[in-house]
Protein backbone atom coordinates (compact mmCIF):
# COMPACT_ATOMS: atom_id res chain seq x y z
CA MET A 1 72.23 127.43 118.44
CA THR A 2 69.99 130.11 119.89
CA ALA A 3 67.20 131.80 117.98
CA PRO A 4 68.49 134.14 115.27
CA SER A 5 67.85 137.84 115.29
CA THR A 6 64.76 139.07 113.48
CA ALA A 7 66.21 142.45 112.56
CA ARG A 8 66.29 143.39 108.94
CA THR A 9 69.47 143.68 106.97
CA PRO A 10 70.95 147.18 106.65
CA TRP A 11 70.52 146.91 102.89
CA PRO A 12 67.76 145.45 100.68
CA LEU A 13 67.44 141.69 100.47
CA ALA A 14 67.80 141.78 96.69
CA VAL A 15 71.16 143.57 96.99
CA ALA A 16 72.40 140.98 99.48
CA ALA A 17 71.27 138.20 97.13
CA ALA A 18 73.18 139.81 94.25
CA LEU A 19 76.30 139.98 96.42
CA ALA A 20 75.85 136.31 97.34
CA VAL A 21 75.76 135.33 93.66
CA LEU A 22 78.84 137.46 92.94
CA LEU A 23 80.72 135.90 95.86
CA ALA A 24 79.89 132.40 94.63
CA ALA A 25 81.14 133.38 91.15
CA GLY A 26 84.40 134.67 92.66
CA VAL A 27 84.87 131.38 94.48
CA PHE A 28 84.09 129.54 91.23
CA TYR A 29 86.84 131.48 89.43
CA ARG A 30 89.38 130.93 92.19
CA ALA A 31 88.64 127.20 92.41
CA SER A 32 88.70 126.76 88.65
CA SER A 33 92.11 128.45 88.50
CA ALA A 34 93.67 126.23 91.18
CA PRO A 35 96.21 123.67 89.95
CA VAL A 36 95.87 119.97 90.63
CA ALA A 37 97.45 118.91 93.92
CA PRO A 38 100.48 116.62 93.48
CA VAL A 39 99.00 114.13 95.97
CA ASP A 40 95.40 113.15 96.76
CA SER A 41 94.48 113.65 93.11
CA TRP A 42 96.21 111.71 90.33
CA SER A 43 96.39 108.39 92.19
CA HIS A 44 92.80 108.81 93.38
CA TRP A 45 91.65 109.25 89.79
CA LYS A 46 93.57 106.10 88.90
CA TYR A 47 91.71 104.21 91.61
CA GLY A 48 88.46 105.70 90.31
CA GLN A 49 89.29 104.41 86.85
CA TRP A 50 89.99 100.93 88.23
CA ILE A 51 86.71 100.91 90.19
CA TRP A 52 84.73 102.14 87.20
CA GLU A 53 86.22 99.57 84.83
CA HIS A 54 85.97 96.62 87.23
CA ARG A 55 82.63 97.63 88.84
CA CYS A 56 83.96 96.72 92.30
CA LEU A 57 86.41 97.93 94.93
CA PRO A 58 89.95 96.53 94.96
CA ASP A 59 90.81 94.14 97.79
CA GLY A 60 94.38 95.41 97.91
CA GLU A 61 96.80 97.60 95.98
CA PRO A 62 96.12 96.85 92.27
CA PHE A 63 98.94 98.69 90.50
CA SER A 64 102.41 98.01 91.94
CA PRO A 65 104.11 94.61 92.24
CA TYR A 66 106.15 96.05 95.11
CA SER A 67 103.19 96.52 97.46
CA SER A 68 102.65 94.18 100.39
CA PRO A 69 100.61 91.16 99.26
CA GLY A 70 98.60 91.06 102.48
CA ALA A 71 97.71 94.77 102.55
CA LYS A 72 93.95 95.25 102.48
CA SER A 73 92.28 98.22 100.86
CA ILE A 74 89.66 100.11 102.83
CA ASP A 75 88.96 103.07 100.60
CA ALA A 76 86.53 105.60 102.05
CA GLN A 77 86.94 107.89 99.04
CA TRP A 78 85.80 105.49 96.36
CA LEU A 79 82.79 107.54 95.25
CA SER A 80 84.68 110.82 94.90
CA GLN A 81 87.43 108.94 93.06
CA VAL A 82 84.95 107.59 90.53
CA VAL A 83 83.27 110.98 90.04
CA SER A 84 86.63 112.74 89.59
CA TYR A 85 87.80 110.09 87.14
CA LEU A 86 84.63 110.44 85.06
CA ALA A 87 85.05 114.23 85.03
CA GLU A 88 88.62 113.82 83.75
CA ALA A 89 87.68 111.11 81.26
CA ARG A 90 84.87 113.22 79.78
CA GLY A 91 86.42 116.68 80.00
CA GLY A 92 90.13 116.37 80.70
CA LEU A 93 91.72 118.51 83.38
CA GLU A 94 89.33 121.35 82.51
CA GLY A 95 86.46 119.00 83.29
CA VAL A 96 88.00 118.37 86.70
CA ALA A 97 88.41 122.12 87.15
CA LEU A 98 84.75 122.64 86.28
CA LEU A 99 83.65 119.95 88.74
CA TYR A 100 85.84 121.38 91.49
CA ALA A 101 84.65 124.93 90.82
CA LEU A 102 80.99 123.88 90.91
CA LEU A 103 81.54 122.06 94.20
CA GLU A 104 83.25 125.10 95.72
CA ALA A 105 80.49 127.43 94.52
CA ALA A 106 77.80 125.11 95.89
CA LYS A 107 79.63 124.96 99.21
CA THR A 108 79.75 128.75 99.36
CA LEU A 109 76.02 129.07 98.72
CA LEU A 110 75.27 126.45 101.39
CA LEU A 111 77.47 128.32 103.86
CA ILE A 112 75.64 131.55 103.08
CA GLY A 113 72.33 129.78 103.63
CA ALA A 114 73.56 128.30 106.91
CA ALA A 115 74.83 131.67 108.17
CA ARG A 116 71.55 133.33 107.15
CA ARG A 117 69.60 130.76 109.15
CA ALA A 118 71.84 131.39 112.14
CA ALA A 119 71.69 135.20 111.93
CA GLY A 120 68.39 135.94 110.19
CA SER A 121 70.14 138.30 107.78
CA LEU A 122 71.37 137.51 104.29
CA GLY A 123 73.62 140.56 104.23
CA VAL A 124 75.44 139.50 107.40
CA ALA A 125 75.68 135.95 106.05
CA VAL A 126 77.38 137.16 102.86
CA ALA A 127 79.80 139.30 104.88
CA VAL A 128 80.93 136.54 107.27
CA VAL A 129 81.24 133.96 104.48
CA ALA A 130 83.33 136.43 102.46
CA LEU A 131 85.59 136.86 105.51
CA ALA A 132 85.92 133.08 105.82
CA GLU A 133 86.83 132.78 102.13
CA VAL A 134 89.58 135.37 102.57
CA LEU A 135 90.96 133.43 105.54
CA ARG A 136 90.73 130.16 103.58
CA TRP A 137 92.84 131.52 100.72
CA PRO A 138 96.11 129.72 101.71
CA PHE A 139 94.17 126.44 101.91
CA ALA A 140 92.50 126.81 98.49
CA ASP A 141 95.73 126.45 96.54
CA ALA A 142 94.98 123.23 94.67
CA VAL A 143 92.26 120.89 93.41
CA ARG A 144 91.80 118.27 96.12
CA VAL A 145 89.67 115.16 96.48
CA GLN A 146 88.31 116.52 99.78
CA ALA A 147 86.05 119.06 98.05
CA PRO A 148 82.89 116.85 97.99
CA ALA A 149 83.31 116.21 101.73
CA GLU A 150 83.42 119.97 102.37
CA VAL A 151 80.12 120.34 100.51
CA CYS A 152 78.66 117.73 102.87
CA TRP A 153 79.99 119.73 105.82
CA ALA A 154 78.35 122.91 104.53
CA ALA A 155 75.10 120.99 104.02
CA LEU A 156 75.21 119.81 107.65
CA LEU A 157 75.73 123.39 108.85
CA PHE A 158 72.77 124.49 106.76
CA VAL A 159 70.47 121.79 108.16
CA LEU A 160 71.63 122.17 111.78
CA ALA A 161 71.47 125.97 111.87
CA ARG A 162 67.92 125.90 113.27
CA ARG A 163 67.56 126.22 117.04
CA VAL A 164 65.45 123.05 117.12
CA PRO A 165 66.18 120.40 114.46
CA SER A 166 63.18 119.83 112.23
CA PRO A 167 61.79 116.36 111.46
CA ALA A 168 63.35 116.73 108.01
CA ALA A 169 66.74 117.37 109.66
CA VAL A 170 66.45 114.13 111.64
CA LEU A 171 66.41 112.27 108.33
CA GLY A 172 68.47 114.71 106.27
CA VAL A 173 71.57 114.72 108.48
CA PRO A 174 72.00 110.90 108.44
CA ALA A 175 71.55 110.97 104.67
CA VAL A 176 74.35 113.53 104.35
CA VAL A 177 76.57 111.47 106.69
CA ALA A 178 75.93 108.34 104.60
CA LEU A 179 76.93 110.20 101.43
CA TRP A 180 79.97 111.68 103.14
CA ALA A 181 81.11 108.25 104.37
CA ASN A 182 81.32 107.13 100.73
CA LEU A 183 83.11 110.29 99.61
CA SER A 184 85.85 110.75 102.20
CA GLY A 185 87.30 109.32 105.37
CA THR A 186 86.87 112.71 107.04
CA PHE A 187 83.21 112.03 107.89
CA PRO A 188 83.86 111.65 111.68
CA ALA A 189 84.02 115.46 111.71
CA ALA A 190 80.23 115.30 111.41
CA PHE A 191 80.04 113.38 114.69
CA LEU A 192 82.18 116.03 116.37
CA LEU A 193 79.77 118.73 115.17
CA ILE A 194 76.64 116.82 116.17
CA GLY A 195 78.18 115.83 119.50
CA GLY A 196 79.11 119.43 120.29
CA LEU A 197 75.57 120.59 119.58
CA LEU A 198 74.05 117.75 121.57
CA VAL A 199 76.25 118.17 124.65
CA GLY A 200 75.94 121.95 124.49
CA ARG A 201 72.16 121.81 124.33
CA PHE A 202 72.01 119.29 127.18
CA LEU A 203 74.20 121.44 129.43
CA GLY A 204 72.29 124.59 128.52
CA GLN A 205 68.89 123.02 129.12
CA ALA A 206 70.04 121.38 132.36
CA ARG A 207 71.17 124.76 133.64
CA ALA A 208 68.00 126.54 132.48
CA LEU A 209 65.57 123.85 133.70
CA ARG A 210 67.53 123.09 136.88
CA GLY A 211 68.20 119.43 136.33
CA PRO A 212 69.50 116.90 133.79
CA THR A 213 66.29 114.84 133.92
CA ARG A 214 64.19 117.82 132.87
CA ALA A 215 66.71 118.62 130.14
CA LEU A 216 66.18 115.19 128.61
CA ARG A 217 62.50 116.03 128.10
CA ASP A 218 63.43 118.88 125.78
CA PRO A 219 62.09 118.09 122.24
CA GLY A 220 65.12 119.68 120.60
CA LEU A 221 67.53 117.56 122.64
CA GLN A 222 65.53 114.42 121.93
CA ARG A 223 65.69 115.09 118.20
CA LEU A 224 69.44 115.68 118.42
CA ILE A 225 69.89 112.35 120.22
CA LEU A 226 67.83 110.55 117.57
CA LEU A 227 69.68 112.40 114.83
CA ALA A 228 73.06 111.42 116.32
CA GLY A 229 72.11 107.75 116.60
CA LEU A 230 70.82 107.58 113.04
CA SER A 231 73.97 109.33 111.80
CA VAL A 232 76.20 106.69 113.40
CA LEU A 233 74.15 103.97 111.72
CA ALA A 234 74.30 105.85 108.42
CA ALA A 235 78.11 105.74 108.52
CA PHE A 236 77.86 101.96 108.02
CA ALA A 237 76.01 102.41 104.70
CA THR A 238 79.17 101.87 102.65
CA PRO A 239 80.66 98.91 100.77
CA HIS A 240 83.00 98.44 103.74
CA GLY A 241 80.16 98.22 106.27
CA LYS A 242 81.14 98.21 109.92
CA THR A 243 84.88 98.02 109.19
CA LEU A 244 85.11 101.56 107.81
CA LEU A 245 84.55 103.61 110.97
CA PRO A 246 87.18 101.78 113.10
CA HIS A 247 89.62 102.04 110.20
CA VAL A 248 89.06 105.77 109.80
CA LEU A 249 89.38 106.40 113.51
CA ARG A 250 92.51 104.22 113.50
CA LEU A 251 91.49 102.40 116.65
CA GLU A 252 93.94 99.59 115.98
CA GLN A 253 96.87 101.67 114.82
CA GLY A 254 96.71 104.54 117.29
CA VAL A 255 96.64 108.24 116.58
CA VAL A 256 98.53 109.30 113.48
CA THR A 257 100.42 112.55 113.96
CA GLY A 258 101.35 113.05 110.32
CA GLY A 259 99.06 116.06 110.10
CA ARG A 260 100.82 117.95 112.90
CA TRP A 261 102.17 121.41 112.11
CA PRO A 262 105.97 121.40 111.68
CA ASP A 263 106.40 124.13 114.28
CA LEU A 264 103.60 125.64 116.31
CA ILE A 265 105.70 128.37 117.93
CA PRO A 266 107.04 130.59 116.46
CA ILE A 267 104.32 131.06 113.85
CA ASN A 268 106.31 130.57 110.68
CA SER A 269 103.75 129.85 107.96
CA PRO A 270 100.73 131.60 106.41
CA GLU A 271 98.51 128.71 107.48
CA THR A 272 99.31 129.04 111.18
CA ARG A 273 98.91 132.81 111.00
CA VAL A 274 95.48 132.34 109.44
CA LEU A 275 94.56 129.96 112.23
CA VAL A 276 95.56 132.47 114.90
CA ALA A 277 93.78 135.32 113.09
CA SER A 278 90.55 133.31 112.75
CA LEU A 279 90.59 132.39 116.43
CA LEU A 280 91.14 136.04 117.42
CA VAL A 281 88.22 137.09 115.22
CA VAL A 282 85.91 134.64 116.99
CA LEU A 283 87.10 135.62 120.47
CA PHE A 284 86.64 139.34 119.74
CA ALA A 285 83.18 138.66 118.32
CA PHE A 286 82.21 136.72 121.44
CA ARG A 287 83.60 139.50 123.62
CA LEU A 288 81.92 142.43 121.84
CA SER A 289 78.60 140.77 121.00
CA PRO A 290 75.64 141.66 123.24
CA ARG A 291 74.24 138.21 122.52
CA PRO A 292 75.16 135.56 125.11
CA PHE A 293 77.31 132.83 123.66
CA ALA A 294 75.90 129.33 123.79
CA THR A 295 77.58 126.37 125.46
CA ALA A 296 77.62 124.54 122.14
CA GLU A 297 79.56 127.40 120.56
CA VAL A 298 82.25 127.19 123.23
CA LEU A 299 82.52 123.43 122.78
CA LEU A 300 82.79 123.70 118.99
CA VAL A 301 85.44 126.41 119.18
CA ALA A 302 87.45 124.32 121.64
CA ALA A 303 87.12 121.18 119.51
CA PHE A 304 87.82 122.58 116.05
CA ALA A 305 90.07 125.58 116.74
CA GLY A 306 91.94 123.67 119.43
CA GLY A 307 92.18 120.63 117.20
CA SER A 308 93.48 122.77 114.35
CA TRP A 309 96.27 124.08 116.55
CA PHE A 310 97.62 120.56 116.98
CA ASP A 311 96.58 118.95 113.71
CA LYS A 312 96.32 120.84 110.45
CA ARG A 313 93.70 118.41 109.09
CA PHE A 314 91.15 120.17 111.31
CA VAL A 315 91.69 123.57 109.70
CA SER A 316 89.37 123.07 106.73
CA TRP A 317 86.46 122.23 109.00
CA TRP A 318 87.26 125.04 111.42
CA LEU A 319 87.39 127.74 108.73
CA LEU A 320 84.12 126.49 107.24
CA LEU A 321 82.54 126.50 110.71
CA LEU A 322 83.72 130.06 111.32
CA PRO A 323 80.93 131.99 109.48
CA TRP A 324 78.28 129.79 111.12
CA LEU A 325 79.60 130.81 114.54
CA LEU A 326 80.17 134.46 113.69
CA ALA A 327 76.88 135.23 111.94
CA PRO A 328 74.50 135.53 114.96
CA HIS A 329 77.03 137.57 116.95
CA ALA A 330 77.71 139.91 114.02
CA GLN A 331 73.96 140.43 113.62
CA ALA A 332 73.50 141.09 117.36
CA LEU A 333 76.31 143.66 117.26
CA LEU A 334 74.75 145.38 114.24
CA ASP A 335 71.37 145.43 115.98
CA ALA A 336 72.93 147.09 119.01
CA LEU A 337 74.67 149.69 116.87
CA ALA A 338 71.47 150.35 114.91
CA ALA A 339 69.51 150.86 118.13
CA ALA A 340 72.01 153.44 119.36
CA ALA A 341 72.29 155.28 116.02
CA PRO A 342 69.76 157.54 114.30
CA ALA A 343 67.37 155.89 111.88
CA ALA A 344 69.06 155.23 108.57
CA ALA A 345 67.70 156.64 105.36
CA ARG A 346 65.80 154.27 103.09
CA PRO A 347 67.98 152.79 100.35
CA ARG A 348 67.64 154.25 96.89
CA ARG A 349 65.32 152.34 94.59
CA TRP A 350 67.94 152.23 91.88
CA LEU A 351 70.32 150.30 94.14
CA THR A 352 68.67 146.91 93.53
CA PRO A 353 68.78 146.93 89.69
CA VAL A 354 72.31 148.30 89.73
CA ALA A 355 73.44 145.58 92.13
CA TRP A 356 71.88 142.83 90.02
CA ILE A 357 73.26 144.20 86.76
CA GLY A 358 76.73 144.39 88.29
CA ALA A 359 76.42 140.92 89.77
CA SER A 360 75.22 139.48 86.45
CA LEU A 361 78.05 141.05 84.49
CA GLY A 362 80.65 140.10 87.09
CA THR A 363 79.39 136.52 87.33
CA THR A 364 79.37 136.08 83.57
CA ALA A 365 82.89 137.48 83.25
CA LEU A 366 84.29 135.36 86.09
CA VAL A 367 82.77 132.16 84.69
CA LEU A 368 83.79 132.75 81.08
CA LEU A 369 87.32 133.91 81.95
CA SER A 370 87.98 130.98 84.28
CA PRO A 371 89.86 127.85 83.10
CA ALA A 372 86.57 125.95 83.33
CA GLY A 373 85.05 128.61 81.08
CA ALA A 374 87.91 128.12 78.65
CA TRP A 375 86.91 124.45 78.41
CA LEU A 376 83.28 125.46 77.86
CA ARG A 377 84.45 127.73 75.04
CA GLY A 378 86.40 124.85 73.48
CA ARG A 379 89.85 126.22 74.30
CA PRO A 380 91.58 123.67 76.57
CA ILE A 381 94.56 124.77 78.64
CA PRO A 382 97.89 122.89 78.42
CA VAL A 383 98.50 120.22 81.03
CA GLU A 384 101.57 122.10 82.30
CA GLU A 385 99.35 125.01 83.33
CA ARG A 386 96.71 122.86 85.02
CA ALA A 387 99.11 120.56 86.87
CA GLY A 388 100.81 121.93 89.95
CA PRO A 389 104.38 123.26 89.92
CA ALA A 390 105.65 120.09 91.69
CA THR A 391 104.27 117.75 89.00
CA PRO A 392 106.84 116.10 86.67
CA VAL A 393 104.78 116.57 83.50
CA ARG A 394 107.62 116.81 80.98
CA LEU A 395 109.67 114.06 82.62
CA ALA A 396 106.69 111.73 82.37
CA GLU A 397 106.19 112.67 78.71
CA VAL A 398 109.81 111.79 77.96
CA LEU A 399 109.43 108.41 79.63
CA CYS A 400 106.16 107.75 77.80
CA ALA A 401 107.84 108.44 74.47
CA GLU A 402 110.27 105.53 75.01
CA PRO A 403 108.90 102.49 73.15
CA GLU A 404 110.41 99.75 75.35
CA ARG A 405 107.86 98.14 77.69
CA PRO A 406 107.28 97.01 80.36
CA ARG A 407 109.44 98.92 82.83
CA HIS A 408 109.90 99.04 86.59
CA VAL A 409 110.11 102.73 87.51
CA PHE A 410 111.59 104.34 90.60
CA CYS A 411 110.75 107.96 91.42
CA ALA A 412 112.09 110.31 94.06
CA PRO A 413 110.26 111.96 95.72
CA PHE A 414 107.70 109.17 96.02
CA VAL A 415 104.81 111.67 95.64
CA TRP A 416 105.85 111.99 91.97
CA GLY A 417 104.58 108.45 91.70
CA ASP A 418 100.99 109.71 91.84
CA TYR A 419 101.31 111.54 88.53
CA LEU A 420 103.42 108.77 86.99
CA LEU A 421 100.79 106.21 88.02
CA TRP A 422 98.17 108.27 86.23
CA ARG A 423 100.22 109.14 83.15
CA LEU A 424 102.31 106.03 82.40
CA PRO A 425 100.76 103.01 80.65
CA ALA A 426 99.59 100.10 82.77
CA SER A 427 102.57 98.01 81.66
CA ASP A 428 104.94 100.25 83.63
CA LYS A 429 105.17 99.29 87.31
CA LEU A 430 105.97 101.84 90.00
CA TYR A 431 108.26 101.17 92.93
CA TRP A 432 106.03 103.33 95.20
CA TYR A 433 103.65 106.27 95.34
CA SER A 434 101.74 108.22 97.99
CA ARG A 435 99.56 105.31 99.18
CA GLN A 436 102.31 104.29 101.57
CA GLU A 437 99.98 102.11 103.66
CA PHE A 438 100.36 99.46 100.94
CA PHE A 439 104.17 99.30 101.14
CA ASP A 440 105.90 97.67 104.09
CA SER A 441 108.73 99.27 106.07
CA ARG A 442 111.46 97.11 104.51
CA HIS A 443 110.45 98.26 101.05
CA ALA A 444 110.50 101.90 102.17
CA ARG A 445 113.91 101.48 103.82
CA ALA A 446 115.34 99.98 100.63
CA GLY A 447 114.06 102.91 98.57
CA ASN A 448 115.43 105.39 101.07
CA ALA A 449 118.79 103.58 100.98
CA LEU A 450 118.93 104.11 97.21
CA ILE A 451 118.18 107.81 97.72
CA ALA A 452 120.75 108.19 100.49
CA ASP A 453 123.63 106.35 98.79
CA PRO A 454 123.01 104.83 95.34
CA ALA A 455 126.55 103.40 95.21
CA SER A 456 126.08 101.38 98.41
CA PRO A 457 125.30 97.63 98.23
CA LYS A 458 121.70 98.27 99.31
CA GLY A 459 121.29 101.03 96.74
CA GLN A 460 122.76 98.89 93.98
CA ALA A 461 120.48 96.00 94.95
CA VAL A 462 117.45 98.25 94.37
CA LEU A 463 118.87 99.59 91.09
CA ARG A 464 119.26 96.06 89.71
CA ARG A 465 115.48 95.62 89.98
CA LEU A 466 114.71 98.80 88.01
CA ASP A 467 114.52 99.85 84.38
CA ALA A 468 113.90 103.61 84.80
CA VAL A 469 114.58 106.31 87.40
CA VAL A 470 112.82 109.68 87.63
CA VAL A 471 114.54 111.80 90.28
CA SER A 472 114.49 115.41 91.47
CA SER A 473 117.69 117.41 91.85
CA ALA A 474 116.46 118.98 95.09
CA GLU A 475 117.56 117.86 98.54
CA PRO A 476 117.49 115.14 99.82
CA PHE A 477 117.58 113.55 96.34
CA GLN A 478 120.69 115.36 95.07
CA GLY A 479 122.92 112.33 95.64
CA LEU A 480 120.81 110.01 93.47
CA TYR A 481 120.45 112.76 90.86
CA ASP A 482 124.21 113.26 90.65
CA TYR A 483 124.83 109.52 90.51
CA MET A 484 122.41 108.94 87.62
CA LYS A 485 123.74 111.97 85.76
CA HIS A 486 127.48 111.32 86.14
CA GLU A 487 127.87 107.62 87.01
CA GLY A 488 124.77 106.23 85.30
CA PRO A 489 126.18 106.32 81.72
CA ASN A 490 129.15 104.22 82.92
CA ASN A 491 126.82 101.65 84.51
CA GLY A 492 124.35 100.94 81.72
CA TRP A 493 121.99 103.93 82.09
CA ASP A 494 120.99 106.59 79.55
CA VAL A 495 119.84 110.04 80.68
CA LEU A 496 116.88 110.90 78.44
CA ALA A 497 116.04 114.30 79.88
CA ASP A 498 117.60 116.68 82.40
CA GLU A 499 115.31 119.46 83.58
CA THR A 500 117.23 122.31 85.21
CA GLY A 501 114.81 125.19 84.71
CA ALA A 502 112.14 126.65 86.96
CA GLY A 503 109.49 124.42 88.47
CA VAL A 504 110.34 120.74 88.43
CA ARG A 505 114.08 120.06 88.34
CA GLY A 506 115.23 116.52 87.74
CA LEU A 507 116.07 113.87 85.20
CA VAL A 508 114.84 110.66 83.57
CA ALA A 509 117.27 107.78 83.16
CA VAL A 510 116.54 104.37 81.60
CA ARG A 511 118.60 101.19 81.58
CA ARG A 512 120.05 100.40 78.16
CA GLY A 513 118.60 97.25 76.68
CA GLY A 514 116.43 96.45 79.70
CA ARG A 515 117.50 94.36 82.66
């Protein structure tokens, strides 16, 4: 990054600070109000509970007898799983909402700090972060286990916003990477950021100093090289040691394309439209800004925006990188406009106290009116309102009310298994859930055969192993739903509940008298 502008903000610093606090409070409210994601949440909390109770990491899949015996567990998210479980155990779903909201608010403040370092203006920083939060709205629709990793990303942007990394940054960045590597398997995004800055600075210095050898003498480049090397070593500071990084990068299994957008062209979803809009914003800013764009900026845009176009898992990092890239160009454009315009009148003295009073009242209201605030006030919210619309809350309650144990439970879709794993007692054994890496292909094919044609020999073979079925009435599960509803009572099954209303639609059927 180049040196930030030294121009003052067009409004008082205290007003910009009040707006920053109000923006963080708005993010807190939005995050606290988000439902729990149907995947990457319930099963992760269950793993966190297992880790907390056993004081170690599982060697394999610890919950389902149907998982592959030889499947090994390499869980990069163990720390966030434990923290999320403890939040739920101490405060219920509102406790999770409070944790998630605090993480999102902290991330917003770190992004504002990073953008201020890049631009030299708190007001500009608040504006570009607010723009990024608007663009991120379709991606902030649920409580996800990735939130701690995004805080680490914002912390990296804050530390690396200086033109020359400080000695503290040389130690601070590896520390953040080490923490991130224990929170989420997304930590290689840090290497992409550091690598873009390093290569960009090398190319820029080689061009300015007329030679790559001279560029290597640059103190800033030398610190970036040291910082990058220490960060790679820091990624091994996990219970998995040197096996984690190859696993996360999937060197042995090849590139996984499960995160690819369903259709890139035409643009048929809000997420892809947001991606295109954010890229256009950056390109227009680069085009209109009087400040020359740095080589590192071009590399980072190509890596993260280009990566997002082909893999939606990049989008979170791209949208969080956006204000960091925009801030110095927005400030340079404002400086140019201010130089061409007449001198602005001094702000009114009453503006600062009014801004802080408004920010204080707004922040208090947003916090107290949020679901997390409801928990703080001692008024918990029903599980149905905190869980997402695709979560089979009532169906699980019906199954829990049945006294007969243990049971082998089949669910369709398999992502319902995450909530059932969390909600059902340990004596109930699930056929599958979202951790599909633990279930071999033959097991998956057998389950899919039951879904496709429950009356077939393969479908009946699976049914003979089960004591309960929880199935949605939506496609492609309509066939199994109809079979359990109409043919099940003639084949030893009782339908305990049949949900046909809004939200989750499906039924619970149990085998009479066990197997």
